[in-house]
Amino acid sequence: MNERNEMLMTDIQTGAAELVKLLDGIKAMTRGHAVSGLVDMALTRSVELENDCENLVDSLGCTV
């Protein structure tokens, strides 16, 4: 894989991890509010996305 693609994969993986952190913080702030279920769903999906990104990086043999 070329350097540009590895940089893109790093950015995607970093973005997914940051999204999980952000949603985890929002989850803490919305506990007990009407939107907490939606935040939980988004957090679950973002964790799945983060795992998918890690699996993709591993399958492509990137060194991220």
C-alpha atoms as a PDB file:
ATOM      1  CA  MET A   1       0.000   0.000   0.000  1.00  0.00           C
ATOM      2  CA  ASN A   2       1.379   3.405  -0.851  1.00  0.00           C
ATOM      3  CA  GLU A   3       2.117   6.135   1.664  1.00  0.00           C
ATOM      4  CA  ARG A   4      -0.908   8.251   0.723  1.00  0.00           C
ATOM      5  CA  ASN A   5      -3.303   5.365   1.295  1.00  0.00           C
ATOM      6  CA  GLU A   6      -1.670   4.559   4.624  1.00  0.00           C
ATOM      7  CA  MET A   7      -2.111   8.190   5.668  1.00  0.00           C
ATOM      8  CA  LEU A   8      -5.790   8.034   4.677  1.00  0.00           C
ATOM      9  CA  MET A   9      -6.286   4.831   6.659  1.00  0.00           C
ATOM     10  CA  THR A  10      -4.625   6.454   9.671  1.00  0.00           C
ATOM     11  CA  ASP A  11      -6.929   9.463   9.375  1.00  0.00           C
ATOM     12  CA  ILE A  12     -10.016   7.257   9.107  1.00  0.00           C
ATOM     13  CA  GLN A  13      -8.993   5.162  12.096  1.00  0.00           C
ATOM     14  CA  THR A  14      -8.171   8.255  14.154  1.00  0.00           C
ATOM     15  CA  GLY A  15     -11.470   9.877  13.202  1.00  0.00           C
ATOM     16  CA  ALA A  16     -13.421   6.789  14.238  1.00  0.00           C
ATOM     17  CA  ALA A  17     -11.665   6.711  17.611  1.00  0.00           C
ATOM     18  CA  GLU A  18     -12.339  10.418  18.151  1.00  0.00           C
ATOM     19  CA  LEU A  19     -16.011   9.911  17.297  1.00  0.00           C
ATOM     20  CA  VAL A  20     -16.259   7.217  19.971  1.00  0.00           C
ATOM     21  CA  LYS A  21     -14.684   9.557  22.540  1.00  0.00           C
ATOM     22  CA  LEU A  22     -17.008  12.403  21.590  1.00  0.00           C
ATOM     23  CA  LEU A  23     -20.142  10.275  21.773  1.00  0.00           C
ATOM     24  CA  ASP A  24     -19.027   8.778  25.075  1.00  0.00           C
ATOM     25  CA  GLY A  25     -18.790  12.308  26.488  1.00  0.00           C
ATOM     26  CA  ILE A  26     -22.200  13.223  25.090  1.00  0.00           C
ATOM     27  CA  LYS A  27     -23.618  10.037  26.603  1.00  0.00           C
ATOM     28  CA  ALA A  28     -22.398  11.118  30.036  1.00  0.00           C
ATOM     29  CA  MET A  29     -23.992  14.555  29.612  1.00  0.00           C
ATOM     30  CA  THR A  30     -27.354  13.248  28.370  1.00  0.00           C
ATOM     31  CA  ARG A  31     -27.936  10.558  30.963  1.00  0.00           C
ATOM     32  CA  GLY A  32     -31.615  10.621  31.878  1.00  0.00           C
ATOM     33  CA  HIS A  33     -32.600  12.862  28.957  1.00  0.00           C
ATOM     34  CA  ALA A  34     -34.943  11.871  26.150  1.00  0.00           C
ATOM     35  CA  VAL A  35     -32.076  11.679  23.643  1.00  0.00           C
ATOM     36  CA  SER A  36     -29.984   9.254  25.694  1.00  0.00           C
ATOM     37  CA  GLY A  37     -31.280   6.259  23.714  1.00  0.00           C
ATOM     38  CA  LEU A  38     -30.246   7.866  20.439  1.00  0.00           C
ATOM     39  CA  VAL A  39     -26.820   8.670  21.851  1.00  0.00           C
ATOM     40  CA  ASP A  40     -26.433   5.056  23.005  1.00  0.00           C
ATOM     41  CA  MET A  41     -27.337   3.838  19.521  1.00  0.00           C
ATOM     42  CA  ALA A  42     -24.869   6.240  17.892  1.00  0.00           C
ATOM     43  CA  LEU A  43     -22.148   5.212  20.334  1.00  0.00           C
ATOM     44  CA  THR A  44     -22.734   1.539  19.588  1.00  0.00           C
ATOM     45  CA  ARG A  45     -22.551   2.197  15.851  1.00  0.00           C
ATOM     46  CA  SER A  46     -19.395   4.296  16.196  1.00  0.00           C
ATOM     47  CA  VAL A  47     -17.668   1.547  18.194  1.00  0.00           C
ATOM     48  CA  GLU A  48     -18.615  -0.878  15.406  1.00  0.00           C
ATOM     49  CA  LEU A  49     -17.184   1.578  12.870  1.00  0.00           C
ATOM     50  CA  GLU A  50     -13.965   1.882  14.861  1.00  0.00           C
ATOM     51  CA  ASN A  51     -13.636  -1.917  14.961  1.00  0.00           C
ATOM     52  CA  ASP A  52     -14.361  -2.170  11.237  1.00  0.00           C
ATOM     53  CA  CYS A  53     -11.644   0.404  10.535  1.00  0.00           C
ATOM     54  CA  GLU A  54      -9.141  -1.540  12.630  1.00  0.00           C
ATOM     55  CA  ASN A  55     -10.050  -4.763  10.824  1.00  0.00           C
ATOM     56  CA  LEU A  56      -9.691  -3.060   7.444  1.00  0.00           C
ATOM     57  CA  VAL A  57      -6.274  -1.698   8.349  1.00  0.00           C
ATOM     58  CA  ASP A  58      -5.192  -5.143   9.539  1.00  0.00           C
ATOM     59  CA  SER A  59      -6.513  -6.887   6.428  1.00  0.00           C
ATOM     60  CA  LEU A  60      -4.712  -4.446   4.138  1.00  0.00           C
ATOM     61  CA  GLY A  61      -1.477  -4.921   6.035  1.00  0.00           C
ATOM     62  CA  CYS A  62      -1.062  -1.258   6.897  1.00  0.00           C
ATOM     63  CA  THR A  63       1.265  -0.122   9.622  1.00  0.00           C
ATOM     64  CA  VAL A  64      -0.817   2.483  11.406  1.00  0.00           C
END
